[in-house]
N, C-alpha and C. Protein backbone atom coordinates (compact mmCIF):
# COMPACT_ATOMS: atom_id res chain seq x y z
N MET A 1 21.62 94.19 70.26
CA MET A 1 21.26 95.35 70.96
C MET A 1 19.78 94.90 70.65
N PRO A 2 18.99 95.22 71.90
CA PRO A 2 17.63 94.86 72.31
C PRO A 2 16.79 95.65 71.64
N ASN A 3 16.75 96.73 70.99
CA ASN A 3 16.01 97.55 70.91
C ASN A 3 16.00 97.72 69.21
N ASP A 4 16.88 97.50 68.52
CA ASP A 4 17.33 97.11 67.00
C ASP A 4 16.33 96.05 66.95
N ASN A 5 15.97 96.85 65.22
CA ASN A 5 14.63 95.71 64.56
C ASN A 5 15.36 94.62 64.01
N PRO A 6 15.49 93.26 64.30
CA PRO A 6 16.32 92.21 63.60
C PRO A 6 16.15 92.32 62.56
N GLN A 7 15.20 92.52 61.61
CA GLN A 7 15.30 92.75 60.18
C GLN A 7 16.36 93.77 59.93
N ASP A 8 16.18 94.85 60.29
CA ASP A 8 17.03 95.74 59.92
C ASP A 8 18.79 95.69 60.24
N LEU A 9 19.08 94.85 61.55
CA LEU A 9 20.25 94.52 61.87
C LEU A 9 20.53 93.11 60.86
N ALA A 10 19.93 92.19 60.27
CA ALA A 10 19.90 91.28 59.40
C ALA A 10 20.59 91.89 58.27
N SER A 11 20.20 92.78 57.56
CA SER A 11 20.01 93.46 56.35
C SER A 11 21.23 94.37 56.52
N LEU A 12 21.85 94.93 57.40
CA LEU A 12 23.20 95.85 57.91
C LEU A 12 24.06 95.18 57.98
N THR A 13 24.14 93.67 58.66
CA THR A 13 24.86 92.42 58.60
C THR A 13 25.15 92.41 57.25
N ALA A 14 24.33 91.89 56.51
CA ALA A 14 24.26 91.40 55.10
C ALA A 14 25.27 92.50 54.32
N ARG A 15 24.66 93.60 54.35
CA ARG A 15 25.47 94.81 53.54
C ARG A 15 27.40 94.57 54.07
N ILE A 16 27.21 94.63 55.20
CA ILE A 16 28.53 94.79 55.61
C ILE A 16 29.51 93.71 55.38
N ALA A 17 29.01 92.18 55.13
CA ALA A 17 29.56 90.95 54.36
C ALA A 17 30.13 91.66 53.39
N ARG A 18 28.77 91.80 52.41
CA ARG A 18 29.21 91.99 51.18
C ARG A 18 30.36 93.25 50.80
N LEU A 19 30.29 94.23 51.38
CA LEU A 19 31.32 94.94 51.47
C LEU A 19 32.63 94.68 51.71
N ILE A 20 33.04 93.74 52.68
CA ILE A 20 34.16 93.17 53.37
C ILE A 20 34.53 92.53 51.91
N THR A 21 33.43 91.59 51.45
CA THR A 21 34.12 90.56 50.43
C THR A 21 34.29 90.91 49.20
N ASP A 22 33.33 91.93 48.88
CA ASP A 22 33.71 93.22 47.45
C ASP A 22 34.81 93.87 47.41
N ARG A 23 35.07 94.21 48.79
CA ARG A 23 36.42 95.34 48.79
C ARG A 23 37.40 94.23 48.69
N LYS A 24 37.31 92.92 49.02
CA LYS A 24 38.48 91.99 49.34
C LYS A 24 39.47 92.93 50.31
N ILE A 25 38.62 92.64 51.29
CA ILE A 25 39.19 93.43 52.77
C ILE A 25 39.95 91.80 53.39
N VAL A 26 39.05 90.92 53.44
CA VAL A 26 39.81 89.54 53.51
C VAL A 26 39.54 88.94 52.40
N LYS A 27 40.32 87.64 52.30
CA LYS A 27 40.49 86.64 51.51
C LYS A 27 39.14 85.44 51.62
N ALA A 28 37.85 85.98 51.34
CA ALA A 28 37.09 84.78 51.62
C ALA A 28 35.70 85.13 50.82
N ARG A 29 35.12 84.43 50.36
CA ARG A 29 34.31 84.79 49.39
C ARG A 29 32.54 84.83 50.48
N GLU A 30 32.80 84.23 51.27
CA GLU A 30 31.81 84.05 52.09
C GLU A 30 31.96 84.17 53.58
N ILE A 31 31.25 84.97 54.57
CA ILE A 31 31.96 85.21 55.79
C ILE A 31 30.65 85.03 57.08
N ASP A 32 31.19 84.12 58.16
CA ASP A 32 30.50 83.96 59.15
C ASP A 32 30.53 85.51 59.64
N SER A 33 29.14 85.74 59.81
CA SER A 33 28.90 86.77 60.65
C SER A 33 29.34 87.31 62.42
N LYS A 34 29.28 85.87 62.62
CA LYS A 34 29.73 85.34 64.51
C LYS A 34 31.30 85.54 64.35
N ALA A 35 31.54 84.84 63.24
CA ALA A 35 33.47 84.58 63.32
C ALA A 35 33.98 85.99 63.88
N ILE A 36 35.34 85.83 64.63
CA ILE A 36 35.80 86.84 64.94
C ILE A 36 37.08 86.99 63.53
N LEU A 37 36.65 88.10 62.93
CA LEU A 37 37.80 88.54 61.64
C LEU A 37 39.06 87.94 61.92
N ALA A 38 39.88 88.27 62.93
CA ALA A 38 41.33 88.43 62.82
C ALA A 38 41.51 86.93 62.84
N LYS A 39 40.91 86.33 63.62
CA LYS A 39 41.34 84.51 63.66
C LYS A 39 40.82 83.87 62.88
N ALA A 40 39.44 84.11 62.49
CA ALA A 40 38.86 83.33 61.01
C ALA A 40 39.60 83.73 59.71
N TYR A 41 40.03 84.97 59.43
CA TYR A 41 39.98 85.48 58.23
C TYR A 41 41.31 85.74 58.12
N GLY A 42 42.24 86.15 59.27
CA GLY A 42 43.24 86.87 59.11
C GLY A 42 43.41 88.14 58.67
N LEU A 43 42.45 89.26 59.45
CA LEU A 43 42.23 90.49 59.29
C LEU A 43 43.43 91.12 60.06
N ASP A 44 44.37 91.87 59.58
CA ASP A 44 45.37 92.47 59.97
C ASP A 44 44.98 93.89 60.63
N SER A 45 45.89 94.71 60.68
CA SER A 45 45.88 96.16 61.27
C SER A 45 45.76 96.95 60.08
N MET A 46 46.56 96.50 58.65
CA MET A 46 46.16 97.21 57.43
C MET A 46 44.44 97.02 56.86
N GLY A 47 44.31 95.49 56.74
CA GLY A 47 42.82 95.34 56.78
C GLY A 47 42.12 95.84 57.16
N THR A 48 42.03 96.11 58.82
CA THR A 48 41.34 96.80 59.52
C THR A 48 40.82 98.31 59.37
N ILE A 49 42.19 99.41 58.59
CA ILE A 49 41.86 100.40 58.47
C ILE A 49 41.30 100.45 56.94
N ASN A 50 41.74 99.48 56.41
CA ASN A 50 40.82 99.53 55.12
C ASN A 50 39.47 99.21 55.21
N LEU A 51 38.85 98.45 55.96
CA LEU A 51 37.51 98.51 56.92
C LEU A 51 36.87 99.52 57.30
N ILE A 52 37.27 100.12 58.01
CA ILE A 52 37.45 101.55 58.33
C ILE A 52 37.04 102.92 57.42
N VAL A 53 37.95 103.02 56.67
CA VAL A 53 37.66 103.42 55.48
C VAL A 53 36.34 102.89 54.43
N ALA A 54 36.35 101.60 54.21
CA ALA A 54 35.21 101.26 53.42
C ALA A 54 33.85 101.60 54.28
N LEU A 55 33.86 101.58 55.49
CA LEU A 55 32.58 101.89 56.30
C LEU A 55 32.42 103.03 56.31
N GLU A 56 32.81 103.93 56.32
CA GLU A 56 32.87 105.29 56.48
C GLU A 56 32.40 106.02 55.26
N GLU A 57 32.86 105.78 53.82
CA GLU A 57 32.44 105.67 52.79
C GLU A 57 30.89 105.00 52.63
N GLU A 58 30.82 103.94 53.19
CA GLU A 58 29.55 103.34 52.46
C GLU A 58 28.43 103.94 53.31
N PHE A 59 28.67 103.74 54.46
CA PHE A 59 27.43 104.69 55.68
C PHE A 59 27.74 106.07 55.95
N GLY A 60 28.71 106.94 55.08
CA GLY A 60 28.52 108.57 55.52
C GLY A 60 28.83 108.78 56.81
N VAL A 61 29.37 108.03 57.66
CA VAL A 61 29.89 108.27 59.04
C VAL A 61 31.25 108.73 59.31
N GLU A 62 31.60 109.39 60.37
CA GLU A 62 32.91 109.27 60.73
C GLU A 62 33.36 108.64 62.26
N ILE A 63 34.38 107.72 61.89
CA ILE A 63 34.64 106.67 62.80
C ILE A 63 35.57 107.41 63.72
N GLN A 64 35.13 107.97 64.90
CA GLN A 64 36.23 108.66 65.70
C GLN A 64 37.47 107.55 66.40
N ASP A 65 38.29 108.33 67.03
CA ASP A 65 39.43 107.45 67.56
C ASP A 65 38.99 106.41 68.48
N ASP A 66 38.00 107.14 69.40
CA ASP A 66 36.96 106.38 70.86
C ASP A 66 36.64 105.35 70.43
N ASP A 67 35.94 105.24 68.69
CA ASP A 67 35.09 104.24 68.49
C ASP A 67 36.07 103.01 68.28
N LEU A 68 37.23 103.13 68.31
CA LEU A 68 38.66 102.07 67.64
C LEU A 68 38.63 101.02 68.86
N GLN A 69 37.92 100.46 68.72
CA GLN A 69 38.13 99.39 69.82
C GLN A 69 37.74 98.00 69.43
N LEU A 70 38.61 96.88 69.79
CA LEU A 70 38.09 95.70 69.45
C LEU A 70 36.45 95.38 69.26
N ARG A 71 35.82 95.71 70.60
CA ARG A 71 34.72 94.81 70.53
C ARG A 71 33.45 95.75 69.55
N ASN A 72 33.81 96.77 68.79
CA ASN A 72 33.05 97.43 67.73
C ASN A 72 33.69 96.50 66.78
N PHE A 73 34.49 96.14 66.29
CA PHE A 73 35.08 95.40 64.88
C PHE A 73 35.25 94.09 64.99
N SER A 74 34.94 93.41 66.16
CA SER A 74 35.51 92.12 65.84
C SER A 74 34.97 91.11 64.74
N SER A 75 33.99 91.27 65.04
CA SER A 75 32.88 90.26 63.89
C SER A 75 32.16 91.28 62.95
N ILE A 76 31.71 90.84 61.99
CA ILE A 76 30.68 91.36 60.94
C ILE A 76 29.36 91.71 62.14
N GLU A 77 29.02 90.84 63.15
CA GLU A 77 27.52 90.83 63.94
C GLU A 77 28.37 92.00 64.70
N LYS A 78 29.46 92.27 65.40
CA LYS A 78 29.54 93.58 66.28
C LYS A 78 29.82 94.85 65.35
N ILE A 79 30.29 94.82 64.09
CA ILE A 79 30.31 96.08 63.28
C ILE A 79 28.82 96.12 63.18
N ALA A 80 28.16 95.63 62.71
CA ALA A 80 26.56 95.94 62.47
C ALA A 80 26.20 96.32 63.39
N GLU A 81 26.25 95.90 64.90
CA GLU A 81 25.61 97.03 65.96
C GLU A 81 25.99 97.75 66.29
N PHE A 82 27.40 98.12 65.96
CA PHE A 82 28.25 99.57 66.05
C PHE A 82 27.58 100.39 65.15
N MET A 83 27.50 99.99 63.97
CA MET A 83 27.18 101.15 62.50
C MET A 83 25.78 101.39 62.99
N ALA A 84 24.78 100.28 63.59
CA ALA A 84 23.76 100.60 63.79
C ALA A 84 23.13 102.16 64.93
N ALA A 85 24.32 101.84 65.81
CA ALA A 85 24.56 102.77 66.85
C ALA A 85 24.60 103.75 66.68
N LYS A 86 25.89 103.90 65.54
CA LYS A 86 26.52 105.16 65.00
C LYS A 86 25.25 105.75 64.48
N GLN A 87 24.64 105.35 63.59
CA GLN A 87 23.70 105.94 62.72
C GLN A 87 22.76 106.59 63.34
N ARG A 88 22.06 105.68 64.45
CA ARG A 88 21.04 106.77 65.31
C ARG A 88 21.77 107.90 65.96
N SER A 89 23.27 107.55 66.27
CA SER A 89 23.47 108.70 67.09
C SER A 89 23.84 110.00 66.07
N VAL A 90 24.25 109.77 64.68
CA VAL A 90 24.23 110.73 63.51
C VAL A 90 22.63 111.21 63.70
N THR A 91 21.70 110.51 63.64
CA THR A 91 20.29 111.00 63.36
C THR A 91 19.93 112.02 64.50
N ASN A 92 20.33 111.38 65.68
CA ASN A 92 19.88 112.08 66.93
C ASN A 92 20.16 113.70 66.92
N ASP A 93 21.60 113.60 66.52
CA ASP A 93 22.64 114.64 66.67
C ASP A 93 21.82 115.87 65.45
N ALA A 94 21.70 115.14 64.26
CA ALA A 94 20.91 116.14 63.18
C ALA A 94 19.28 116.69 63.94
N ILE A 95 19.08 115.68 64.29
CA ILE A 95 17.33 116.26 65.09
C ILE A 95 17.52 117.37 66.05
N ARG A 96 18.59 116.88 66.79
CA ARG A 96 19.03 117.92 68.11
C ARG A 96 19.30 119.52 67.53
N GLN A 97 20.17 119.27 66.33
CA GLN A 97 20.70 120.52 66.01
C GLN A 97 19.69 121.43 65.14
N GLU A 98 18.45 120.34 64.59
CA GLU A 98 17.55 121.26 63.89
C GLU A 98 16.56 121.69 65.06
N VAL A 99 16.13 121.25 66.02
CA VAL A 99 15.70 121.83 66.88
C VAL A 99 16.38 123.03 67.73
N ILE A 100 17.84 122.94 67.85
CA ILE A 100 18.37 124.02 68.49
C ILE A 100 17.87 125.30 67.88
N SER A 101 18.17 125.09 66.09
CA SER A 101 18.24 125.93 65.17
C SER A 101 16.79 126.87 65.37
N GLU A 102 16.09 125.82 65.27
CA GLU A 102 14.54 126.36 65.23
C GLU A 102 14.01 127.28 66.43
N MET A 103 14.58 126.79 68.01
CA MET A 103 14.73 127.83 68.92
C MET A 103 15.30 129.11 68.94
N GLU A 104 16.61 128.75 68.22
CA GLU A 104 17.37 130.32 67.83
C GLU A 104 16.52 131.23 67.25
N SER A 105 15.90 130.35 66.20
CA SER A 105 15.20 131.86 65.44
C SER A 105 13.78 132.01 65.97
N ARG A 106 12.96 131.13 66.54
CA ARG A 106 12.24 131.59 67.41
C ARG A 106 12.57 132.67 68.15
N LYS A 107 13.70 132.77 68.93
CA LYS A 107 13.88 133.52 69.85
C LYS A 107 14.56 134.56 69.28
N ALA A 108 14.91 134.56 68.10
CA ALA A 108 15.41 135.91 67.30
C ALA A 108 14.09 136.76 66.87
N HIS A 109 13.41 135.85 66.79
CA HIS A 109 11.86 136.82 66.16
C HIS A 109 10.86 137.08 67.17
N THR A 110 11.34 137.13 68.42
CA THR A 110 10.46 137.74 69.48
C THR A 110 11.10 139.01 70.19
């Protein structure tokens, strides 16, 4: 993603790789972040479910059914890009909600 800080994306990629290996979602000690997880490491449907649950727990986000597309979960690199976008979306939603609440509060006091 062109606007992402490469350092942040790199640390996010490393964090996801650690999560996958620590939780033994695939049987590998090290994972190439660009490798297709299903082809290179045998990630199957159960592994994908475990991965999604692990990502939700680790990052405190909810992955929606609409998000469950191969382009988001094919490799660690793609997962990192998806999670970065998801985190931005959650932050933007929280800011938007805060602004709406403030506006409603001001409106109620006028």
